[in-house]
Amino acid sequence: MIYALLIFSLSIILYGHLKGATIAFSPIIGVMVGGLYSYTDYEDAREHTLQCCILILAITVVWETSNG
């Protein structure tokens, strides 16, 4: 499972780089394993968030797409 999350985290970093997204690395207090995708609609854009947590590190990729 850890290998799958490592491959997933590398793929979201690559995807974020291709989309011109903001990529953030954050430490986690405690231990967490998993992935998350969410979006928020605004009047003129949709903000997408893709996150992968591996033990004590969270990798977050955020980008926007237009609604028009």
Protein backbone atom coordinates (compact mmCIF):
# COMPACT_ATOMS: atom_id res chain seq x y z
CA MET A 1 0.00 0.00 0.00
CA ILE A 2 2.85 2.39 0.74
CA TYR A 3 4.29 1.77 -2.73
CA ALA A 4 0.91 2.58 -4.28
CA LEU A 5 0.77 5.87 -2.35
CA LEU A 6 4.34 6.71 -3.42
CA ILE A 7 3.41 6.15 -7.06
CA PHE A 8 0.20 8.16 -6.57
CA SER A 9 2.09 11.03 -4.93
CA LEU A 10 4.66 11.13 -7.75
CA SER A 11 1.88 11.11 -10.33
CA ILE A 12 0.00 14.00 -8.69
CA ILE A 13 3.21 16.02 -8.51
CA LEU A 14 3.73 15.41 -12.24
CA TYR A 15 0.07 16.22 -12.98
CA GLY A 16 0.31 19.42 -10.95
CA HIS A 17 3.44 20.44 -12.80
CA LEU A 18 1.71 19.88 -16.15
CA LYS A 19 -1.34 21.91 -15.03
CA GLY A 20 0.78 24.77 -13.68
CA ALA A 21 -0.69 24.17 -10.23
CA THR A 22 0.50 25.16 -6.79
CA ILE A 23 2.23 22.21 -5.11
CA ALA A 24 2.72 22.25 -1.34
CA PHE A 25 4.51 19.83 0.97
CA SER A 26 3.37 19.93 4.59
CA PRO A 27 4.32 17.96 7.68
CA ILE A 28 1.57 16.18 9.59
CA ILE A 29 1.52 15.92 13.36
CA GLY A 30 0.68 12.26 13.82
CA VAL A 31 0.36 9.55 11.17
CA MET A 32 -2.00 9.61 8.18
CA VAL A 33 -2.31 7.52 5.01
CA GLY A 34 -4.64 8.19 2.07
CA GLY A 35 -5.67 10.44 -0.78
CA LEU A 36 -8.27 13.18 -1.35
CA TYR A 37 -9.80 15.02 -4.30
CA SER A 38 -12.20 17.92 -3.84
CA TYR A 39 -13.34 21.04 -5.65
CA THR A 40 -14.93 24.35 -4.76
CA ASP A 41 -17.09 26.35 -7.17
CA TYR A 42 -16.71 30.12 -7.26
CA GLU A 43 -18.53 32.59 -9.52
CA ASP A 44 -15.84 32.67 -12.19
CA ALA A 45 -13.74 29.54 -11.54
CA ARG A 46 -13.59 26.09 -10.00
CA GLU A 47 -10.72 25.33 -7.60
CA HIS A 48 -9.52 21.72 -7.57
CA THR A 49 -7.56 20.19 -4.69
CA LEU A 50 -5.70 16.89 -4.91
CA GLN A 51 -3.94 15.64 -1.77
CA CYS A 52 -1.89 12.58 -0.85
CA CYS A 53 -0.85 11.83 2.73
CA ILE A 54 1.99 9.41 3.42
CA LEU A 55 2.67 8.85 7.13
CA ILE A 56 4.01 12.29 8.21
CA LEU A 57 3.95 14.17 4.86
CA ALA A 58 1.00 15.73 3.00
CA ILE A 59 1.41 16.65 -0.67
CA THR A 60 -1.24 19.11 -1.87
CA VAL A 61 -1.85 20.19 -5.47
CA VAL A 62 -4.25 23.10 -6.11
CA TRP A 63 -5.30 24.49 -9.51
CA GLU A 64 -8.18 26.46 -11.01
CA THR A 65 -10.30 26.05 -14.14
CA SER A 66 -12.66 28.64 -15.56
CA ASN A 67 -16.43 28.14 -15.47
CA GLY A 68 -17.06 29.76 -18.81
